[in-house]
Amino acid sequence: MFGSAEEIARLIQTRVKLSTGVWSRVGIGPNKILAKMATDNFAKKRPTGIFKLTHDNIEKDLWSLPVHQMFMVAGRMTSHFARMGLHTIGDIARLDLGEFKKRMRCRMGRQSDIQAEYYWQTANGIDPSPVVTGMRSQIKVINHGRALKWQTYRTIEDIEPLMLELIVEVCRRARRYGYMGRVVAVGAAETDGHRSSSFGRQRTLPRPTHLEHEIGPVIRSLFLEHWKGLPLTHLHITLTDLSRDDVYQLDLFENRERLIHREKTVDALKERFGPTAIIRASSLLKTAQAFERAAQIGGHWA
């Protein structure tokens, strides 16, 4: 109906540019995995903003890349692969699946077979999952997190401005989707360059909420209870046990309805004028990221 894949990609770029002023990059592939890796690793670096990755050029273009550039491979998994002697995507792809599973079991235990098959398929450009329209009707979790430069986030005074921004964004997303949550969680990874640790802890609230002042103190308390005091490399906030926000518990001592209306008004202003149209004073501090993130698209510089 719309021509070749390249013609469709150019049409998408043109429509996005005319509608938003943003220049987009497009990855083309026979499945979602290859299209995603085409975008992340190649299209972003091409003047045209378009790259096609298929099984014909996967060995030439993809397999020579470092393993951390494979979809869904982060720092910890990169370290595991390095200790297995697997430094490039091709090192995984060229292995027999049985041999790869054997190495994964030695490193990560018998429960790693499913994970091994996923990474092996990804390296070989195999993705059996179908392309579907729309999104699931019931959201199970709302979360937001950041990878951090550990030299910057050393003290609670450094960490708090960012923590509050994450809490604000989680609550804002919950209101946008029409949900409240009763279980909050905080996850963090920390290191001083020699010692490393991570934790994830959750707590059940007295009632479902999507208000920052009800979630914030609980998150802060959980974090301080389990943080060992090392500089942070990652911080993550999660809201679960979700329920629709069209019915909620009132409070004898606080006008929750007025507070919810206020926050939704702030949300509407941010939607219209941008995420920094209204910010908290803490976002003006050095370790906050609100202004930096507002200048990015999907967490990346345009």
C-alpha atoms as a PDB file:
ATOM      1  CA  MET A   1       0.000   0.000   0.000  1.00  0.00           C
ATOM      2  CA  PHE A   2       2.811   2.463   0.827  1.00  0.00           C
ATOM      3  CA  GLY A   3       5.773   1.237  -1.208  1.00  0.00           C
ATOM      4  CA  SER A   4       9.029  -0.345  -0.046  1.00  0.00           C
ATOM      5  CA  ALA A   5      10.232  -0.398   3.562  1.00  0.00           C
ATOM      6  CA  GLU A   6      12.628   2.463   2.786  1.00  0.00           C
ATOM      7  CA  GLU A   7       9.814   4.545   1.264  1.00  0.00           C
ATOM      8  CA  ILE A   8       7.641   3.924   4.318  1.00  0.00           C
ATOM      9  CA  ALA A   9      10.540   4.941   6.585  1.00  0.00           C
ATOM     10  CA  ARG A  10      11.004   8.223   4.715  1.00  0.00           C
ATOM     11  CA  LEU A  11       7.252   8.863   4.889  1.00  0.00           C
ATOM     12  CA  ILE A  12       7.298   8.331   8.661  1.00  0.00           C
ATOM     13  CA  GLN A  13      10.269  10.667   9.053  1.00  0.00           C
ATOM     14  CA  THR A  14       8.557  13.375   7.005  1.00  0.00           C
ATOM     15  CA  ARG A  15       5.273  13.168   8.902  1.00  0.00           C
ATOM     16  CA  VAL A  16       6.977  13.205  12.304  1.00  0.00           C
ATOM     17  CA  LYS A  17       9.149  16.163  11.263  1.00  0.00           C
ATOM     18  CA  LEU A  18       6.167  18.162   9.974  1.00  0.00           C
ATOM     19  CA  SER A  19       4.053  17.354  13.037  1.00  0.00           C
ATOM     20  CA  THR A  20       6.626  17.822  15.808  1.00  0.00           C
ATOM     21  CA  GLY A  21       9.773  19.391  14.359  1.00  0.00           C
ATOM     22  CA  VAL A  22      11.731  16.320  15.519  1.00  0.00           C
ATOM     23  CA  TRP A  23      13.963  14.384  13.120  1.00  0.00           C
ATOM     24  CA  SER A  24      13.429  10.658  13.696  1.00  0.00           C
ATOM     25  CA  ARG A  25      15.551   7.600  12.971  1.00  0.00           C
ATOM     26  CA  VAL A  26      14.057   4.413  11.578  1.00  0.00           C
ATOM     27  CA  GLY A  27      15.351   0.852  11.787  1.00  0.00           C
ATOM     28  CA  ILE A  28      14.115  -1.694   9.245  1.00  0.00           C
ATOM     29  CA  GLY A  29      14.189  -5.447   9.744  1.00  0.00           C
ATOM     30  CA  PRO A  30      12.197  -8.637   9.180  1.00  0.00           C
ATOM     31  CA  ASN A  31      11.287  -8.693  12.893  1.00  0.00           C
ATOM     32  CA  LYS A  32      11.146  -6.361  15.900  1.00  0.00           C
ATOM     33  CA  ILE A  33      14.542  -7.376  17.326  1.00  0.00           C
ATOM     34  CA  LEU A  34      16.465  -6.609  14.146  1.00  0.00           C
ATOM     35  CA  ALA A  35      14.528  -3.386  13.534  1.00  0.00           C
ATOM     36  CA  LYS A  36      15.316  -2.256  17.089  1.00  0.00           C
ATOM     37  CA  MET A  37      19.036  -3.033  16.817  1.00  0.00           C
ATOM     38  CA  ALA A  38      19.129  -1.389  13.380  1.00  0.00           C
ATOM     39  CA  THR A  39      17.815   1.804  14.964  1.00  0.00           C
ATOM     40  CA  ASP A  40      20.010   1.801  18.069  1.00  0.00           C
ATOM     41  CA  ASN A  41      23.311   0.817  16.461  1.00  0.00           C
ATOM     42  CA  PHE A  42      23.151   2.138  12.902  1.00  0.00           C
ATOM     43  CA  ALA A  43      20.230   4.411  11.930  1.00  0.00           C
ATOM     44  CA  LYS A  44      21.133   6.971  14.614  1.00  0.00           C
ATOM     45  CA  LYS A  45      24.577   7.351  13.027  1.00  0.00           C
ATOM     46  CA  ARG A  46      23.450   7.622   9.383  1.00  0.00           C
ATOM     47  CA  PRO A  47      22.792  11.000   7.716  1.00  0.00           C
ATOM     48  CA  THR A  48      19.544   9.564   6.305  1.00  0.00           C
ATOM     49  CA  GLY A  49      18.498   8.239   9.718  1.00  0.00           C
ATOM     50  CA  ILE A  50      17.514   4.926   8.093  1.00  0.00           C
ATOM     51  CA  PHE A  51      19.202   1.509   8.242  1.00  0.00           C
ATOM     52  CA  LYS A  52      18.062  -1.943   7.175  1.00  0.00           C
ATOM     53  CA  LEU A  53      19.311  -4.977   9.109  1.00  0.00           C
ATOM     54  CA  THR A  54      18.420  -8.399   7.726  1.00  0.00           C
ATOM     55  CA  HIS A  55      19.821 -11.906   7.862  1.00  0.00           C
ATOM     56  CA  ASP A  56      21.843 -11.032   4.748  1.00  0.00           C
ATOM     57  CA  ASN A  57      23.971  -8.379   6.487  1.00  0.00           C
ATOM     58  CA  ILE A  58      23.666  -9.365  10.169  1.00  0.00           C
ATOM     59  CA  GLU A  59      27.057 -11.112  10.182  1.00  0.00           C
ATOM     60  CA  LYS A  60      28.866  -8.259   8.446  1.00  0.00           C
ATOM     61  CA  ASP A  61      27.295  -5.364  10.351  1.00  0.00           C
ATOM     62  CA  LEU A  62      25.976  -6.639  13.696  1.00  0.00           C
ATOM     63  CA  TRP A  63      28.186  -9.488  14.812  1.00  0.00           C
ATOM     64  CA  SER A  64      31.351  -7.382  15.048  1.00  0.00           C
ATOM     65  CA  LEU A  65      29.770  -5.019  17.601  1.00  0.00           C
ATOM     66  CA  PRO A  66      30.606  -5.263  21.341  1.00  0.00           C
ATOM     67  CA  VAL A  67      28.169  -7.488  23.210  1.00  0.00           C
ATOM     68  CA  HIS A  68      26.808  -4.588  25.295  1.00  0.00           C
ATOM     69  CA  GLN A  69      25.286  -3.164  22.100  1.00  0.00           C
ATOM     70  CA  MET A  70      22.970  -6.149  21.783  1.00  0.00           C
ATOM     71  CA  PHE A  71      19.360  -5.501  22.755  1.00  0.00           C
ATOM     72  CA  MET A  72      18.611  -6.123  26.480  1.00  0.00           C
ATOM     73  CA  VAL A  73      22.270  -6.526  27.483  1.00  0.00           C
ATOM     74  CA  ALA A  74      23.236  -4.133  30.289  1.00  0.00           C
ATOM     75  CA  GLY A  75      26.351  -3.766  32.425  1.00  0.00           C
ATOM     76  CA  ARG A  76      25.948  -6.798  34.660  1.00  0.00           C
ATOM     77  CA  MET A  77      25.181  -9.166  31.761  1.00  0.00           C
ATOM     78  CA  THR A  78      28.116  -7.726  29.815  1.00  0.00           C
ATOM     79  CA  SER A  79      30.383  -8.684  32.726  1.00  0.00           C
ATOM     80  CA  HIS A  80      28.972 -12.240  32.758  1.00  0.00           C
ATOM     81  CA  PHE A  81      29.570 -12.600  29.018  1.00  0.00           C
ATOM     82  CA  ALA A  82      33.124 -11.229  29.327  1.00  0.00           C
ATOM     83  CA  ARG A  83      33.946 -13.848  31.966  1.00  0.00           C
ATOM     84  CA  MET A  84      32.621 -16.487  29.536  1.00  0.00           C
ATOM     85  CA  GLY A  85      34.957 -15.150  26.840  1.00  0.00           C
ATOM     86  CA  LEU A  86      32.105 -13.649  24.812  1.00  0.00           C
ATOM     87  CA  HIS A  87      33.037 -10.098  23.882  1.00  0.00           C
ATOM     88  CA  THR A  88      31.089  -9.477  20.664  1.00  0.00           C
ATOM     89  CA  ILE A  89      27.565 -10.250  19.491  1.00  0.00           C
ATOM     90  CA  GLY A  90      29.075 -12.645  16.967  1.00  0.00           C
ATOM     91  CA  ASP A  91      30.806 -14.603  19.736  1.00  0.00           C
ATOM     92  CA  ILE A  92      27.350 -15.585  21.007  1.00  0.00           C
ATOM     93  CA  ALA A  93      25.751 -16.015  17.581  1.00  0.00           C
ATOM     94  CA  ARG A  94      28.429 -18.406  16.312  1.00  0.00           C
ATOM     95  CA  LEU A  95      28.176 -20.710  19.320  1.00  0.00           C
ATOM     96  CA  ASP A  96      26.034 -23.805  19.169  1.00  0.00           C
ATOM     97  CA  LEU A  97      22.951 -23.198  21.358  1.00  0.00           C
ATOM     98  CA  GLY A  98      23.748 -26.236  23.501  1.00  0.00           C
ATOM     99  CA  GLU A  99      27.283 -24.977  24.152  1.00  0.00           C
ATOM    100  CA  PHE A 100      25.992 -21.492  25.002  1.00  0.00           C
ATOM    101  CA  LYS A 101      23.489 -22.954  27.479  1.00  0.00           C
ATOM    102  CA  LYS A 102      26.308 -24.980  29.053  1.00  0.00           C
ATOM    103  CA  ARG A 103      28.415 -21.851  29.583  1.00  0.00           C
ATOM    104  CA  MET A 104      25.450 -19.951  30.988  1.00  0.00           C
ATOM    105  CA  ARG A 105      24.679 -22.762  33.444  1.00  0.00           C
ATOM    106  CA  CYS A 106      28.263 -22.779  34.687  1.00  0.00           C
ATOM    107  CA  ARG A 107      28.107 -19.038  35.242  1.00  0.00           C
ATOM    108  CA  MET A 108      24.502 -18.462  36.339  1.00  0.00           C
ATOM    109  CA  GLY A 109      22.966 -21.822  37.291  1.00  0.00           C
ATOM    110  CA  ARG A 110      20.483 -24.209  35.678  1.00  0.00           C
ATOM    111  CA  GLN A 111      17.663 -21.685  35.749  1.00  0.00           C
ATOM    112  CA  SER A 112      19.465 -19.717  33.019  1.00  0.00           C
ATOM    113  CA  ASP A 113      18.389 -21.932  30.079  1.00  0.00           C
ATOM    114  CA  ILE A 114      15.473 -19.690  29.032  1.00  0.00           C
ATOM    115  CA  GLN A 115      17.657 -16.600  29.321  1.00  0.00           C
ATOM    116  CA  ALA A 116      20.389 -18.273  27.267  1.00  0.00           C
ATOM    117  CA  GLU A 117      17.957 -19.149  24.485  1.00  0.00           C
ATOM    118  CA  TYR A 118      16.677 -15.554  24.400  1.00  0.00           C
ATOM    119  CA  TYR A 119      20.180 -14.043  24.074  1.00  0.00           C
ATOM    120  CA  TRP A 120      21.234 -16.623  21.479  1.00  0.00           C
ATOM    121  CA  GLN A 121      18.126 -15.912  19.382  1.00  0.00           C
ATOM    122  CA  THR A 122      18.686 -12.157  19.689  1.00  0.00           C
ATOM    123  CA  ALA A 123      22.308 -12.453  18.535  1.00  0.00           C
ATOM    124  CA  ASN A 124      21.114 -14.458  15.530  1.00  0.00           C
ATOM    125  CA  GLY A 125      18.284 -12.055  14.695  1.00  0.00           C
ATOM    126  CA  ILE A 126      15.537 -14.519  15.614  1.00  0.00           C
ATOM    127  CA  ASP A 127      12.328 -13.074  17.080  1.00  0.00           C
ATOM    128  CA  PRO A 128       9.166 -15.238  16.948  1.00  0.00           C
ATOM    129  CA  SER A 129       6.979 -12.677  18.779  1.00  0.00           C
ATOM    130  CA  PRO A 130       4.236 -11.167  16.590  1.00  0.00           C
ATOM    131  CA  VAL A 131       3.700  -7.482  15.891  1.00  0.00           C
ATOM    132  CA  VAL A 132       0.437  -6.379  17.524  1.00  0.00           C
ATOM    133  CA  THR A 133      -1.420  -3.071  17.614  1.00  0.00           C
ATOM    134  CA  GLY A 134      -2.586  -1.253  20.734  1.00  0.00           C
ATOM    135  CA  MET A 135      -1.512  -1.893  24.301  1.00  0.00           C
ATOM    136  CA  ARG A 136      -2.679  -4.229  27.020  1.00  0.00           C
ATOM    137  CA  SER A 137      -5.848  -3.154  28.755  1.00  0.00           C
ATOM    138  CA  GLN A 138      -4.572  -3.672  32.300  1.00  0.00           C
ATOM    139  CA  ILE A 139      -1.295  -2.068  33.353  1.00  0.00           C
ATOM    140  CA  LYS A 140       0.430  -4.073  36.087  1.00  0.00           C
ATOM    141  CA  VAL A 141       3.251  -1.758  37.093  1.00  0.00           C
ATOM    142  CA  ILE A 142       4.305   1.877  36.705  1.00  0.00           C
ATOM    143  CA  ASN A 143       7.992   2.619  37.167  1.00  0.00           C
ATOM    144  CA  HIS A 144      10.806   5.010  36.350  1.00  0.00           C
ATOM    145  CA  GLY A 145      14.557   4.774  36.837  1.00  0.00           C
ATOM    146  CA  ARG A 146      17.919   6.239  35.893  1.00  0.00           C
ATOM    147  CA  ALA A 147      21.440   4.970  35.339  1.00  0.00           C
ATOM    148  CA  LEU A 148      23.773   7.387  37.128  1.00  0.00           C
ATOM    149  CA  LYS A 149      27.352   8.609  37.148  1.00  0.00           C
ATOM    150  CA  TRP A 150      28.452   7.221  40.491  1.00  0.00           C
ATOM    151  CA  GLN A 151      30.964   9.992  41.139  1.00  0.00           C
ATOM    152  CA  THR A 152      28.056  12.476  41.305  1.00  0.00           C
ATOM    153  CA  TYR A 153      25.573  10.727  43.631  1.00  0.00           C
ATOM    154  CA  ARG A 154      27.546  10.174  46.830  1.00  0.00           C
ATOM    155  CA  THR A 155      25.421  11.643  49.639  1.00  0.00           C
ATOM    156  CA  ILE A 156      21.713  11.708  50.454  1.00  0.00           C
ATOM    157  CA  GLU A 157      21.760  15.432  49.641  1.00  0.00           C
ATOM    158  CA  ASP A 158      23.007  14.540  46.133  1.00  0.00           C
ATOM    159  CA  ILE A 159      20.451  11.753  45.704  1.00  0.00           C
ATOM    160  CA  GLU A 160      17.264  13.371  47.037  1.00  0.00           C
ATOM    161  CA  PRO A 161      16.619  15.826  44.156  1.00  0.00           C
ATOM    162  CA  LEU A 162      16.750  12.997  41.616  1.00  0.00           C
ATOM    163  CA  MET A 163      14.721  10.672  43.837  1.00  0.00           C
ATOM    164  CA  LEU A 164      11.963  13.268  44.078  1.00  0.00           C
ATOM    165  CA  GLU A 165      11.956  13.736  40.291  1.00  0.00           C
ATOM    166  CA  LEU A 166      11.508   9.983  39.800  1.00  0.00           C
ATOM    167  CA  ILE A 167       8.657   9.914  42.321  1.00  0.00           C
ATOM    168  CA  VAL A 168       6.984  12.870  40.586  1.00  0.00           C
ATOM    169  CA  GLU A 169       7.258  11.155  37.198  1.00  0.00           C
ATOM    170  CA  VAL A 170       5.863   7.829  38.494  1.00  0.00           C
ATOM    171  CA  CYS A 171       2.897   9.631  40.065  1.00  0.00           C
ATOM    172  CA  ARG A 172       2.359  11.676  36.916  1.00  0.00           C
ATOM    173  CA  ARG A 173       2.290   8.520  34.777  1.00  0.00           C
ATOM    174  CA  ALA A 174      -0.135   6.859  37.181  1.00  0.00           C
ATOM    175  CA  ARG A 175      -2.520   9.819  36.908  1.00  0.00           C
ATOM    176  CA  ARG A 176      -2.182   9.857  33.121  1.00  0.00           C
ATOM    177  CA  TYR A 177      -3.160   6.174  32.905  1.00  0.00           C
ATOM    178  CA  GLY A 178      -5.906   6.566  35.522  1.00  0.00           C
ATOM    179  CA  TYR A 179      -4.403   4.371  38.246  1.00  0.00           C
ATOM    180  CA  MET A 180      -3.465   4.472  41.908  1.00  0.00           C
ATOM    181  CA  GLY A 181      -1.057   2.029  43.543  1.00  0.00           C
ATOM    182  CA  ARG A 182      -0.830   0.538  47.006  1.00  0.00           C
ATOM    183  CA  VAL A 183       2.663  -0.991  46.889  1.00  0.00           C
ATOM    184  CA  VAL A 184       5.742   1.196  46.371  1.00  0.00           C
ATOM    185  CA  ALA A 185       9.272  -0.048  45.797  1.00  0.00           C
ATOM    186  CA  VAL A 186      12.746   1.414  45.459  1.00  0.00           C
ATOM    187  CA  GLY A 187      15.718  -0.274  43.827  1.00  0.00           C
ATOM    188  CA  ALA A 188      19.302   0.916  43.719  1.00  0.00           C
ATOM    189  CA  ALA A 189      22.791  -0.179  42.741  1.00  0.00           C
ATOM    190  CA  GLU A 190      25.863   1.284  44.440  1.00  0.00           C
ATOM    191  CA  THR A 191      29.630   1.082  44.147  1.00  0.00           C
ATOM    192  CA  ASP A 192      32.803   2.858  45.214  1.00  0.00           C
ATOM    193  CA  GLY A 193      34.866   1.292  42.445  1.00  0.00           C
ATOM    194  CA  HIS A 194      35.905  -1.662  44.620  1.00  0.00           C
ATOM    195  CA  ARG A 195      32.793  -2.779  46.480  1.00  0.00           C
ATOM    196  CA  SER A 196      29.409  -3.113  44.783  1.00  0.00           C
ATOM    197  CA  SER A 197      25.933  -4.036  45.961  1.00  0.00           C
ATOM    198  CA  SER A 198      22.301  -3.599  44.997  1.00  0.00           C
ATOM    199  CA  PHE A 199      18.922  -3.869  46.655  1.00  0.00           C
ATOM    200  CA  GLY A 200      15.220  -3.702  45.926  1.00  0.00           C
ATOM    201  CA  ARG A 201      12.629  -3.276  48.674  1.00  0.00           C
ATOM    202  CA  GLN A 202       8.906  -2.612  48.741  1.00  0.00           C
ATOM    203  CA  ARG A 203       6.285  -1.493  51.237  1.00  0.00           C
ATOM    204  CA  THR A 204       2.487  -1.596  51.277  1.00  0.00           C
ATOM    205  CA  LEU A 205       0.717   1.723  51.846  1.00  0.00           C
ATOM    206  CA  PRO A 206      -2.435   2.131  53.963  1.00  0.00           C
ATOM    207  CA  ARG A 207      -4.428   3.008  50.808  1.00  0.00           C
ATOM    208  CA  PRO A 208      -3.871   3.318  47.034  1.00  0.00           C
ATOM    209  CA  THR A 209      -2.453   6.666  45.908  1.00  0.00           C
ATOM    210  CA  HIS A 210      -0.788   8.560  43.087  1.00  0.00           C
ATOM    211  CA  LEU A 211       0.154  11.619  45.170  1.00  0.00           C
ATOM    212  CA  GLU A 212       3.818  12.505  45.634  1.00  0.00           C
ATOM    213  CA  HIS A 213       3.546  13.611  49.272  1.00  0.00           C
ATOM    214  CA  GLU A 214       2.072  10.211  50.230  1.00  0.00           C
ATOM    215  CA  ILE A 215       4.635   8.136  48.322  1.00  0.00           C
ATOM    216  CA  GLY A 216       7.774  10.245  48.821  1.00  0.00           C
ATOM    217  CA  PRO A 217       8.391   9.749  52.564  1.00  0.00           C
ATOM    218  CA  VAL A 218       7.927   5.971  52.242  1.00  0.00           C
ATOM    219  CA  ILE A 219      10.405   5.742  49.363  1.00  0.00           C
ATOM    220  CA  ARG A 220      12.947   7.852  51.239  1.00  0.00           C
ATOM    221  CA  SER A 221      12.590   5.746  54.376  1.00  0.00           C
ATOM    222  CA  LEU A 222      12.987   2.474  52.431  1.00  0.00           C
ATOM    223  CA  PHE A 223      16.044   3.805  50.638  1.00  0.00           C
ATOM    224  CA  LEU A 224      17.820   5.002  53.798  1.00  0.00           C
ATOM    225  CA  GLU A 225      17.023   1.729  55.564  1.00  0.00           C
ATOM    226  CA  HIS A 226      18.822  -0.394  52.944  1.00  0.00           C
ATOM    227  CA  TRP A 227      21.402   1.910  51.322  1.00  0.00           C
ATOM    228  CA  LYS A 228      24.955   1.087  52.445  1.00  0.00           C
ATOM    229  CA  GLY A 229      26.198   4.608  51.780  1.00  0.00           C
ATOM    230  CA  LEU A 230      28.181   3.907  48.608  1.00  0.00           C
ATOM    231  CA  PRO A 231      27.826   6.178  45.538  1.00  0.00           C
ATOM    232  CA  LEU A 232      24.822   5.260  43.381  1.00  0.00           C
ATOM    233  CA  THR A 233      24.980   3.904  39.829  1.00  0.00           C
ATOM    234  CA  HIS A 234      21.236   3.275  39.457  1.00  0.00           C
ATOM    235  CA  LEU A 235      17.985   4.345  41.110  1.00  0.00           C
ATOM    236  CA  HIS A 236      14.522   2.975  40.335  1.00  0.00           C
ATOM    237  CA  ILE A 237      11.024   3.731  41.712  1.00  0.00           C
ATOM    238  CA  THR A 238       8.027   1.401  41.188  1.00  0.00           C
ATOM    239  CA  LEU A 239       4.296   1.567  41.907  1.00  0.00           C
ATOM    240  CA  THR A 240       2.297  -1.704  41.843  1.00  0.00           C
ATOM    241  CA  ASP A 241      -0.906  -3.304  43.156  1.00  0.00           C
ATOM    242  CA  LEU A 242      -2.747  -0.879  40.891  1.00  0.00           C
ATOM    243  CA  SER A 243      -6.426   0.014  40.921  1.00  0.00           C
ATOM    244  CA  ARG A 244      -8.491   2.499  38.923  1.00  0.00           C
ATOM    245  CA  ASP A 245      -8.464   6.049  40.337  1.00  0.00           C
ATOM    246  CA  ASP A 246     -12.138   6.804  39.692  1.00  0.00           C
ATOM    247  CA  VAL A 247     -12.917   5.435  43.176  1.00  0.00           C
ATOM    248  CA  TYR A 248     -10.642   6.273  46.097  1.00  0.00           C
ATOM    249  CA  GLN A 249     -10.656   6.620  49.873  1.00  0.00           C
ATOM    250  CA  LEU A 250     -11.412  10.080  51.251  1.00  0.00           C
ATOM    251  CA  ASP A 251      -9.666  11.472  54.326  1.00  0.00           C
ATOM    252  CA  LEU A 252     -11.225  13.135  57.365  1.00  0.00           C
ATOM    253  CA  PHE A 253      -8.161  15.317  57.939  1.00  0.00           C
ATOM    254  CA  GLU A 254      -7.057  16.150  54.398  1.00  0.00           C
ATOM    255  CA  ASN A 255      -8.936  17.231  51.289  1.00  0.00           C
ATOM    256  CA  ARG A 256      -7.627  14.513  48.947  1.00  0.00           C
ATOM    257  CA  GLU A 257     -10.020  15.480  46.181  1.00  0.00           C
ATOM    258  CA  ARG A 258      -8.591  18.998  46.108  1.00  0.00           C
ATOM    259  CA  LEU A 259      -5.013  17.662  46.140  1.00  0.00           C
ATOM    260  CA  ILE A 260      -5.731  15.255  43.263  1.00  0.00           C
ATOM    261  CA  HIS A 261      -7.369  18.038  41.260  1.00  0.00           C
ATOM    262  CA  ARG A 262      -4.327  20.256  41.883  1.00  0.00           C
ATOM    263  CA  GLU A 263      -1.884  17.609  40.684  1.00  0.00           C
ATOM    264  CA  LYS A 264      -3.945  16.867  37.569  1.00  0.00           C
ATOM    265  CA  THR A 265      -3.979  20.593  36.790  1.00  0.00           C
ATOM    266  CA  VAL A 266      -0.183  20.668  37.041  1.00  0.00           C
ATOM    267  CA  ASP A 267      -0.058  17.595  34.773  1.00  0.00           C
ATOM    268  CA  ALA A 268      -2.205  19.373  32.184  1.00  0.00           C
ATOM    269  CA  LEU A 269       0.108  22.395  32.206  1.00  0.00           C
ATOM    270  CA  LYS A 270       3.143  20.165  31.702  1.00  0.00           C
ATOM    271  CA  GLU A 271       1.439  18.353  28.828  1.00  0.00           C
ATOM    272  CA  ARG A 272       0.715  21.667  27.124  1.00  0.00           C
ATOM    273  CA  PHE A 273       3.849  23.685  27.859  1.00  0.00           C
ATOM    274  CA  GLY A 274       6.483  21.026  28.536  1.00  0.00           C
ATOM    275  CA  PRO A 275       7.725  19.061  31.572  1.00  0.00           C
ATOM    276  CA  THR A 276       9.677  22.013  33.003  1.00  0.00           C
ATOM    277  CA  ALA A 277       6.758  24.487  32.821  1.00  0.00           C
ATOM    278  CA  ILE A 278       6.258  23.816  36.542  1.00  0.00           C
ATOM    279  CA  ILE A 279       9.011  22.211  38.595  1.00  0.00           C
ATOM    280  CA  ARG A 280       9.926  21.832  42.242  1.00  0.00           C
ATOM    281  CA  ALA A 281      12.676  24.047  43.609  1.00  0.00           C
ATOM    282  CA  SER A 282      14.825  20.954  44.236  1.00  0.00           C
ATOM    283  CA  SER A 283      15.084  20.477  40.444  1.00  0.00           C
ATOM    284  CA  LEU A 284      17.256  23.596  40.356  1.00  0.00           C
ATOM    285  CA  LEU A 285      19.939  21.812  42.383  1.00  0.00           C
ATOM    286  CA  LYS A 286      23.109  20.502  40.723  1.00  0.00           C
ATOM    287  CA  THR A 287      22.288  16.781  40.868  1.00  0.00           C
ATOM    288  CA  ALA A 288      18.722  17.129  39.559  1.00  0.00           C
ATOM    289  CA  GLN A 289      18.081  16.103  35.947  1.00  0.00           C
ATOM    290  CA  ALA A 290      14.688  17.626  35.040  1.00  0.00           C
ATOM    291  CA  PHE A 291      16.028  20.266  32.658  1.00  0.00           C
ATOM    292  CA  GLU A 292      18.548  17.898  31.072  1.00  0.00           C
ATOM    293  CA  ARG A 293      15.886  15.219  30.478  1.00  0.00           C
ATOM    294  CA  ALA A 294      13.419  17.762  29.096  1.00  0.00           C
ATOM    295  CA  ALA A 295      15.904  18.564  26.321  1.00  0.00           C
ATOM    296  CA  GLN A 296      16.155  14.887  25.357  1.00  0.00           C
ATOM    297  CA  ILE A 297      13.818  12.566  23.460  1.00  0.00           C
ATOM    298  CA  GLY A 298      13.237   9.200  25.078  1.00  0.00           C
ATOM    299  CA  GLY A 299      16.287   9.745  27.269  1.00  0.00           C
ATOM    300  CA  HIS A 300      18.578  10.439  24.287  1.00  0.00           C
ATOM    301  CA  TRP A 301      19.927  13.614  22.731  1.00  0.00           C
ATOM    302  CA  ALA A 302      18.218  14.352  19.411  1.00  0.00           C
END
